Amino acid sequence: MQPRWQRIADEIRDQIRSGQLTTGDMLPSYRLLGEQHSTSYGTIRMAMAVLRTEGWIEGEPGVGVRVREDHPA
């Protein structure tokens, strides 16, 4: 069984691949994602770190996290 952070990262990655989330779209806040997935801030942070490292998302302090223009899909 995959860790929860990996399942969340997979779900967001799939949303980007399918076009449900597109370039420039803002992702929900970490707090809201935690509520949606019934998990902790740390778990969401780990999922976001993986997606950021893979090039799917980018964050801007005070603004939020969005889908990168040059994401791998």
PDB file of N, CA and C in Angstrom:
ATOM      1  N   MET A   1       0.847  -1.190   0.000  1.00  0.00           N
ATOM      2  CA  MET A   1       0.000   0.000   0.000  1.00  0.00           C
ATOM      3  C   MET A   1       0.892   1.254   0.000  1.00  0.00           C
ATOM      4  N   GLN A   2       0.518   2.239  -0.799  1.00  0.00           N
ATOM      5  CA  GLN A   2       1.281   3.474  -0.900  1.00  0.00           C
ATOM      6  C   GLN A   2       1.055   4.358   0.326  1.00  0.00           C
ATOM      7  N   PRO A   3       2.064   5.142   0.691  1.00  0.00           N
ATOM      8  CA  PRO A   3       1.844   6.130   1.755  1.00  0.00           C
ATOM      9  C   PRO A   3       0.792   7.150   1.312  1.00  0.00           C
ATOM     10  N   ARG A   4       0.124   7.728   2.274  1.00  0.00           N
ATOM     11  CA  ARG A   4      -0.948   8.689   1.978  1.00  0.00           C
ATOM     12  C   ARG A   4      -0.425   9.870   1.157  1.00  0.00           C
ATOM     13  N   TRP A   5       0.761  10.395   1.489  1.00  0.00           N
ATOM     14  CA  TRP A   5       1.293  11.541   0.748  1.00  0.00           C
ATOM     15  C   TRP A   5       1.483  11.188  -0.721  1.00  0.00           C
ATOM     16  N   GLN A   6       1.851   9.941  -0.996  1.00  0.00           N
ATOM     17  CA  GLN A   6       2.066   9.524  -2.381  1.00  0.00           C
ATOM     18  C   GLN A   6       0.734   9.419  -3.131  1.00  0.00           C
ATOM     19  N   ARG A   7      -0.296   8.933  -2.464  1.00  0.00           N
ATOM     20  CA  ARG A   7      -1.623   8.853  -3.089  1.00  0.00           C
ATOM     21  C   ARG A   7      -2.148  10.255  -3.414  1.00  0.00           C
ATOM     22  N   ILE A   8      -1.915  11.216  -2.506  1.00  0.00           N
ATOM     23  CA  ILE A   8      -2.359  12.590  -2.738  1.00  0.00           C
ATOM     24  C   ILE A   8      -1.589  13.200  -3.905  1.00  0.00           C
ATOM     25  N   ALA A   9      -0.281  12.998  -3.940  1.00  0.00           N
ATOM     26  CA  ALA A   9       0.529  13.501  -5.054  1.00  0.00           C
ATOM     27  C   ALA A   9       0.063  12.877  -6.368  1.00  0.00           C
ATOM     28  N   ASP A  10      -0.210  11.580  -6.362  1.00  0.00           N
ATOM     29  CA  ASP A  10      -0.692  10.899  -7.569  1.00  0.00           C
ATOM     30  C   ASP A  10      -2.016  11.501  -8.044  1.00  0.00           C
ATOM     31  N   GLU A  11      -2.902  11.793  -7.100  1.00  0.00           N
ATOM     32  CA  GLU A  11      -4.211  12.349  -7.450  1.00  0.00           C
ATOM     33  C   GLU A  11      -4.064  13.733  -8.098  1.00  0.00           C
ATOM     34  N   ILE A  12      -3.224  14.572  -7.524  1.00  0.00           N
ATOM     35  CA  ILE A  12      -3.027  15.912  -8.077  1.00  0.00           C
ATOM     36  C   ILE A  12      -2.340  15.821  -9.438  1.00  0.00           C
ATOM     37  N   ARG A  13      -1.354  14.954  -9.545  1.00  0.00           N
ATOM     38  CA  ARG A  13      -0.655  14.741 -10.827  1.00  0.00           C
ATOM     39  C   ARG A  13      -1.652  14.300 -11.898  1.00  0.00           C
ATOM     40  N   ASP A  14      -2.548  13.384 -11.536  1.00  0.00           N
ATOM     41  CA  ASP A  14      -3.565  12.903 -12.480  1.00  0.00           C
ATOM     42  C   ASP A  14      -4.529  14.025 -12.887  1.00  0.00           C
ATOM     43  N   GLN A  15      -4.853  14.912 -11.955  1.00  0.00           N
ATOM     44  CA  GLN A  15      -5.729  16.038 -12.268  1.00  0.00           C
ATOM     45  C   GLN A  15      -5.069  16.973 -13.278  1.00  0.00           C
ATOM     46  N   ILE A  16      -3.758  17.125 -13.165  1.00  0.00           N
ATOM     47  CA  ILE A  16      -3.033  17.970 -14.118  1.00  0.00           C
ATOM     48  C   ILE A  16      -2.966  17.273 -15.479  1.00  0.00           C
ATOM     49  N   ARG A  17      -2.645  15.998 -15.488  1.00  0.00           N
ATOM     50  CA  ARG A  17      -2.558  15.249 -16.751  1.00  0.00           C
ATOM     51  C   ARG A  17      -3.882  15.238 -17.494  1.00  0.00           C
ATOM     52  N   SER A  18      -4.981  15.123 -16.772  1.00  0.00           N
ATOM     53  CA  SER A  18      -6.302  15.021 -17.398  1.00  0.00           C
ATOM     54  C   SER A  18      -6.845  16.377 -17.844  1.00  0.00           C
ATOM     55  N   GLY A  19      -6.213  17.461 -17.411  1.00  0.00           N
ATOM     56  CA  GLY A  19      -6.703  18.787 -17.764  1.00  0.00           C
ATOM     57  C   GLY A  19      -7.676  19.361 -16.759  1.00  0.00           C
ATOM     58  N   GLN A  20      -7.975  18.612 -15.701  1.00  0.00           N
ATOM     59  CA  GLN A  20      -8.849  19.131 -14.658  1.00  0.00           C
ATOM     60  C   GLN A  20      -8.182  20.339 -13.985  1.00  0.00           C
ATOM     61  N   LEU A  21      -6.862  20.283 -13.840  1.00  0.00           N
ATOM     62  CA  LEU A  21      -6.059  21.422 -13.405  1.00  0.00           C
ATOM     63  C   LEU A  21      -5.160  21.796 -14.575  1.00  0.00           C
ATOM     64  N   THR A  22      -5.127  23.058 -14.940  1.00  0.00           N
ATOM     65  CA  THR A  22      -4.320  23.486 -16.083  1.00  0.00           C
ATOM     66  C   THR A  22      -3.276  24.519 -15.657  1.00  0.00           C
ATOM     67  N   THR A  23      -2.389  24.835 -16.565  1.00  0.00           N
ATOM     68  CA  THR A  23      -1.318  25.784 -16.312  1.00  0.00           C
ATOM     69  C   THR A  23      -1.844  27.048 -15.645  1.00  0.00           C
ATOM     70  N   GLY A  24      -1.212  27.411 -14.537  1.00  0.00           N
ATOM     71  CA  GLY A  24      -1.583  28.624 -13.822  1.00  0.00           C
ATOM     72  C   GLY A  24      -2.680  28.444 -12.790  1.00  0.00           C
ATOM     73  N   ASP A  25      -3.400  27.310 -12.817  1.00  0.00           N
ATOM     74  CA  ASP A  25      -4.444  27.087 -11.822  1.00  0.00           C
ATOM     75  C   ASP A  25      -3.833  27.018 -10.431  1.00  0.00           C
ATOM     76  N   MET A  26      -4.509  27.635  -9.480  1.00  0.00           N
ATOM     77  CA  MET A  26      -4.081  27.603  -8.090  1.00  0.00           C
ATOM     78  C   MET A  26      -4.612  26.338  -7.423  1.00  0.00           C
ATOM     79  N   LEU A  27      -3.776  25.709  -6.634  1.00  0.00           N
ATOM     80  CA  LEU A  27      -4.202  24.564  -5.841  1.00  0.00           C
ATOM     81  C   LEU A  27      -4.803  25.082  -4.540  1.00  0.00           C
ATOM     82  N   PRO A  28      -5.667  24.289  -3.915  1.00  0.00           N
ATOM     83  CA  PRO A  28      -6.201  24.696  -2.610  1.00  0.00           C
ATOM     84  C   PRO A  28      -5.056  24.862  -1.604  1.00  0.00           C
ATOM     85  N   SER A  29      -5.314  25.579  -0.542  1.00  0.00           N
ATOM     86  CA  SER A  29      -4.317  25.745   0.513  1.00  0.00           C
ATOM     87  C   SER A  29      -3.985  24.389   1.144  1.00  0.00           C
ATOM     88  N   TYR A  30      -2.848  24.326   1.795  1.00  0.00           N
ATOM     89  CA  TYR A  30      -2.455  23.089   2.485  1.00  0.00           C
ATOM     90  C   TYR A  30      -3.524  22.708   3.506  1.00  0.00           C
ATOM     91  N   ARG A  31      -4.059  23.701   4.201  1.00  0.00           N
ATOM     92  CA  ARG A  31      -5.098  23.435   5.209  1.00  0.00           C
ATOM     93  C   ARG A  31      -6.321  22.796   4.572  1.00  0.00           C
ATOM     94  N   LEU A  32      -6.765  23.375   3.448  1.00  0.00           N
ATOM     95  CA  LEU A  32      -7.948  22.847   2.774  1.00  0.00           C
ATOM     96  C   LEU A  32      -7.676  21.452   2.202  1.00  0.00           C
ATOM     97  N   LEU A  33      -6.503  21.256   1.617  1.00  0.00           N
ATOM     98  CA  LEU A  33      -6.154  19.920   1.115  1.00  0.00           C
ATOM     99  C   LEU A  33      -6.138  18.903   2.259  1.00  0.00           C
ATOM    100  N   GLY A  34      -5.612  19.322   3.402  1.00  0.00           N
ATOM    101  CA  GLY A  34      -5.613  18.434   4.570  1.00  0.00           C
ATOM    102  C   GLY A  34      -7.018  18.049   4.992  1.00  0.00           C
ATOM    103  N   GLU A  35      -7.934  19.020   4.963  1.00  0.00           N
ATOM    104  CA  GLU A  35      -9.333  18.737   5.305  1.00  0.00           C
ATOM    105  C   GLU A  35      -9.971  17.821   4.263  1.00  0.00           C
ATOM    106  N   GLN A  36      -9.716  18.094   2.976  1.00  0.00           N
ATOM    107  CA  GLN A  36     -10.302  17.289   1.909  1.00  0.00           C
ATOM    108  C   GLN A  36      -9.836  15.835   1.972  1.00  0.00           C
ATOM    109  N   HIS A  37      -8.586  15.639   2.375  1.00  0.00           N
ATOM    110  CA  HIS A  37      -8.013  14.290   2.404  1.00  0.00           C
ATOM    111  C   HIS A  37      -7.948  13.706   3.811  1.00  0.00           C
ATOM    112  N   SER A  38      -8.517  14.406   4.771  1.00  0.00           N
ATOM    113  CA  SER A  38      -8.517  13.972   6.172  1.00  0.00           C
ATOM    114  C   SER A  38      -7.121  13.564   6.635  1.00  0.00           C
ATOM    115  N   THR A  39      -6.189  14.478   6.443  1.00  0.00           N
ATOM    116  CA  THR A  39      -4.814  14.183   6.821  1.00  0.00           C
ATOM    117  C   THR A  39      -4.139  15.429   7.373  1.00  0.00           C
ATOM    118  N   SER A  40      -2.911  15.262   7.816  1.00  0.00           N
ATOM    119  CA  SER A  40      -2.178  16.338   8.478  1.00  0.00           C
ATOM    120  C   SER A  40      -1.474  17.265   7.493  1.00  0.00           C
ATOM    121  N   TYR A  41      -1.082  18.400   8.011  1.00  0.00           N
ATOM    122  CA  TYR A  41      -0.307  19.378   7.245  1.00  0.00           C
ATOM    123  C   TYR A  41       0.982  18.747   6.727  1.00  0.00           C
ATOM    124  N   GLY A  42       1.645  17.969   7.564  1.00  0.00           N
ATOM    125  CA  GLY A  42       2.906  17.331   7.176  1.00  0.00           C
ATOM    126  C   GLY A  42       2.751  16.400   5.984  1.00  0.00           C
ATOM    127  N   THR A  43       1.657  15.680   5.935  1.00  0.00           N
ATOM    128  CA  THR A  43       1.395  14.773   4.814  1.00  0.00           C
ATOM    129  C   THR A  43       1.195  15.565   3.528  1.00  0.00           C
ATOM    130  N   ILE A  44       0.433  16.646   3.609  1.00  0.00           N
ATOM    131  CA  ILE A  44       0.209  17.498   2.440  1.00  0.00           C
ATOM    132  C   ILE A  44       1.525  18.137   2.014  1.00  0.00           C
ATOM    133  N   ARG A  45       2.293  18.596   2.976  1.00  0.00           N
ATOM    134  CA  ARG A  45       3.586  19.211   2.673  1.00  0.00           C
ATOM    135  C   ARG A  45       4.499  18.246   1.921  1.00  0.00           C
ATOM    136  N   MET A  46       4.499  16.989   2.319  1.00  0.00           N
ATOM    137  CA  MET A  46       5.319  15.980   1.646  1.00  0.00           C
ATOM    138  C   MET A  46       4.833  15.766   0.215  1.00  0.00           C
ATOM    139  N   ALA A  47       3.534  15.665   0.010  1.00  0.00           N
ATOM    140  CA  ALA A  47       2.983  15.495  -1.342  1.00  0.00           C
ATOM    141  C   ALA A  47       3.354  16.685  -2.229  1.00  0.00           C
ATOM    142  N   MET A  48       3.239  17.895  -1.688  1.00  0.00           N
ATOM    143  CA  MET A  48       3.568  19.099  -2.453  1.00  0.00           C
ATOM    144  C   MET A  48       5.060  19.164  -2.764  1.00  0.00           C
ATOM    145  N   ALA A  49       5.891  18.731  -1.829  1.00  0.00           N
ATOM    146  CA  ALA A  49       7.341  18.740  -2.049  1.00  0.00           C
ATOM    147  C   ALA A  49       7.709  17.817  -3.211  1.00  0.00           C
ATOM    148  N   VAL A  50       7.073  16.666  -3.276  1.00  0.00           N
ATOM    149  CA  VAL A  50       7.335  15.722  -4.368  1.00  0.00           C
ATOM    150  C   VAL A  50       6.905  16.334  -5.701  1.00  0.00           C
ATOM    151  N   LEU A  51       5.711  16.898  -5.756  1.00  0.00           N
ATOM    152  CA  LEU A  51       5.211  17.507  -6.999  1.00  0.00           C
ATOM    153  C   LEU A  51       6.070  18.691  -7.426  1.00  0.00           C
ATOM    154  N   ARG A  52       6.558  19.456  -6.463  1.00  0.00           N
ATOM    155  CA  ARG A  52       7.422  20.595  -6.775  1.00  0.00           C
ATOM    156  C   ARG A  52       8.756  20.093  -7.341  1.00  0.00           C
ATOM    157  N   THR A  53       9.333  19.087  -6.725  1.00  0.00           N
ATOM    158  CA  THR A  53      10.599  18.511  -7.186  1.00  0.00           C
ATOM    159  C   THR A  53      10.462  17.922  -8.587  1.00  0.00           C
ATOM    160  N   GLU A  54       9.326  17.310  -8.873  1.00  0.00           N
ATOM    161  CA  GLU A  54       9.089  16.710 -10.189  1.00  0.00           C
ATOM    162  C   GLU A  54       8.763  17.759 -11.257  1.00  0.00           C
ATOM    163  N   GLY A  55       8.499  18.999 -10.850  1.00  0.00           N
ATOM    164  CA  GLY A  55       8.232  20.062 -11.813  1.00  0.00           C
ATOM    165  C   GLY A  55       6.774  20.274 -12.164  1.00  0.00           C
ATOM    166  N   TRP A  56       5.848  19.716 -11.397  1.00  0.00           N
ATOM    167  CA  TRP A  56       4.416  19.866 -11.679  1.00  0.00           C
ATOM    168  C   TRP A  56       3.853  21.184 -11.160  1.00  0.00           C
ATOM    169  N   ILE A  57       4.356  21.640 -10.022  1.00  0.00           N
ATOM    170  CA  ILE A  57       3.802  22.820  -9.373  1.00  0.00           C
ATOM    171  C   ILE A  57       4.924  23.777  -8.973  1.00  0.00           C
ATOM    172  N   GLU A  58       4.524  25.016  -8.670  1.00  0.00           N
ATOM    173  CA  GLU A  58       5.459  25.997  -8.128  1.00  0.00           C
ATOM    174  C   GLU A  58       4.700  26.843  -7.126  1.00  0.00           C
ATOM    175  N   GLY A  59       5.418  27.317  -6.129  1.00  0.00           N
ATOM    176  CA  GLY A  59       4.789  28.137  -5.105  1.00  0.00           C
ATOM    177  C   GLY A  59       5.387  29.519  -5.063  1.00  0.00           C
ATOM    178  N   GLU A  60       4.578  30.455  -4.641  1.00  0.00           N
ATOM    179  CA  GLU A  60       5.019  31.829  -4.479  1.00  0.00           C
ATOM    180  C   GLU A  60       4.569  32.285  -3.099  1.00  0.00           C
ATOM    181  N   PRO A  61       5.512  32.639  -2.237  1.00  0.00           N
ATOM    182  CA  PRO A  61       5.147  33.051  -0.881  1.00  0.00           C
ATOM    183  C   PRO A  61       4.089  34.156  -0.891  1.00  0.00           C
ATOM    184  N   GLY A  62       3.077  33.972  -0.073  1.00  0.00           N
ATOM    185  CA  GLY A  62       2.009  34.951   0.034  1.00  0.00           C
ATOM    186  C   GLY A  62       0.961  34.859  -1.050  1.00  0.00           C
ATOM    187  N   VAL A  63       1.215  34.038  -2.073  1.00  0.00           N
ATOM    188  CA  VAL A  63       0.263  33.901  -3.178  1.00  0.00           C
ATOM    189  C   VAL A  63      -0.358  32.505  -3.170  1.00  0.00           C
ATOM    190  N   GLY A  64       0.468  31.481  -3.152  1.00  0.00           N
ATOM    191  CA  GLY A  64      -0.030  30.116  -3.133  1.00  0.00           C
ATOM    192  C   GLY A  64       0.736  29.221  -4.088  1.00  0.00           C
ATOM    193  N   VAL A  65       0.176  28.062  -4.326  1.00  0.00           N
ATOM    194  CA  VAL A  65       0.801  27.056  -5.179  1.00  0.00           C
ATOM    195  C   VAL A  65      -0.029  26.911  -6.444  1.00  0.00           C
ATOM    196  N   ARG A  66       0.655  26.886  -7.596  1.00  0.00           N
ATOM    197  CA  ARG A  66      -0.057  26.773  -8.866  1.00  0.00           C
ATOM    198  C   ARG A  66       0.621  25.741  -9.764  1.00  0.00           C
ATOM    199  N   VAL A  67      -0.118  25.323 -10.788  1.00  0.00           N
ATOM    200  CA  VAL A  67       0.399  24.391 -11.787  1.00  0.00           C
ATOM    201  C   VAL A  67       1.421  25.146 -12.646  1.00  0.00           C
ATOM    202  N   ARG A  68       2.590  24.560 -12.796  1.00  0.00           N
ATOM    203  CA  ARG A  68       3.651  25.193 -13.591  1.00  0.00           C
ATOM    204  C   ARG A  68       3.301  25.199 -15.069  1.00  0.00           C
ATOM    205  N   GLU A  69       3.770  26.225 -15.755  1.00  0.00           N
ATOM    206  CA  GLU A  69       3.556  26.339 -17.202  1.00  0.00           C
ATOM    207  C   GLU A  69       4.271  25.219 -17.947  1.00  0.00           C
ATOM    208  N   ASP A  70       5.456  24.883 -17.513  1.00  0.00           N
ATOM    209  CA  ASP A  70       6.274  23.880 -18.207  1.00  0.00           C
ATOM    210  C   ASP A  70       6.282  22.534 -17.486  1.00  0.00           C
ATOM    211  N   HIS A  71       5.124  22.149 -16.949  1.00  0.00           N
ATOM    212  CA  HIS A  71       5.052  20.878 -16.209  1.00  0.00           C
ATOM    213  C   HIS A  71       5.310  19.708 -17.153  1.00  0.00           C
ATOM    214  N   PRO A  72       5.681  18.534 -16.599  1.00  0.00           N
ATOM    215  CA  PRO A  72       6.099  17.397 -17.428  1.00  0.00           C
ATOM    216  C   PRO A  72       5.047  16.775 -18.343  1.00  0.00           C
ATOM    217  N   ALA A  73       3.767  17.020 -18.101  1.00  0.00           N
ATOM    218  CA  ALA A  73       2.738  16.324 -18.890  1.00  0.00           C
ATOM    219  C   ALA A  73       2.791  16.720 -20.320  1.00  0.00           C
TER     220      ALA A  73
END
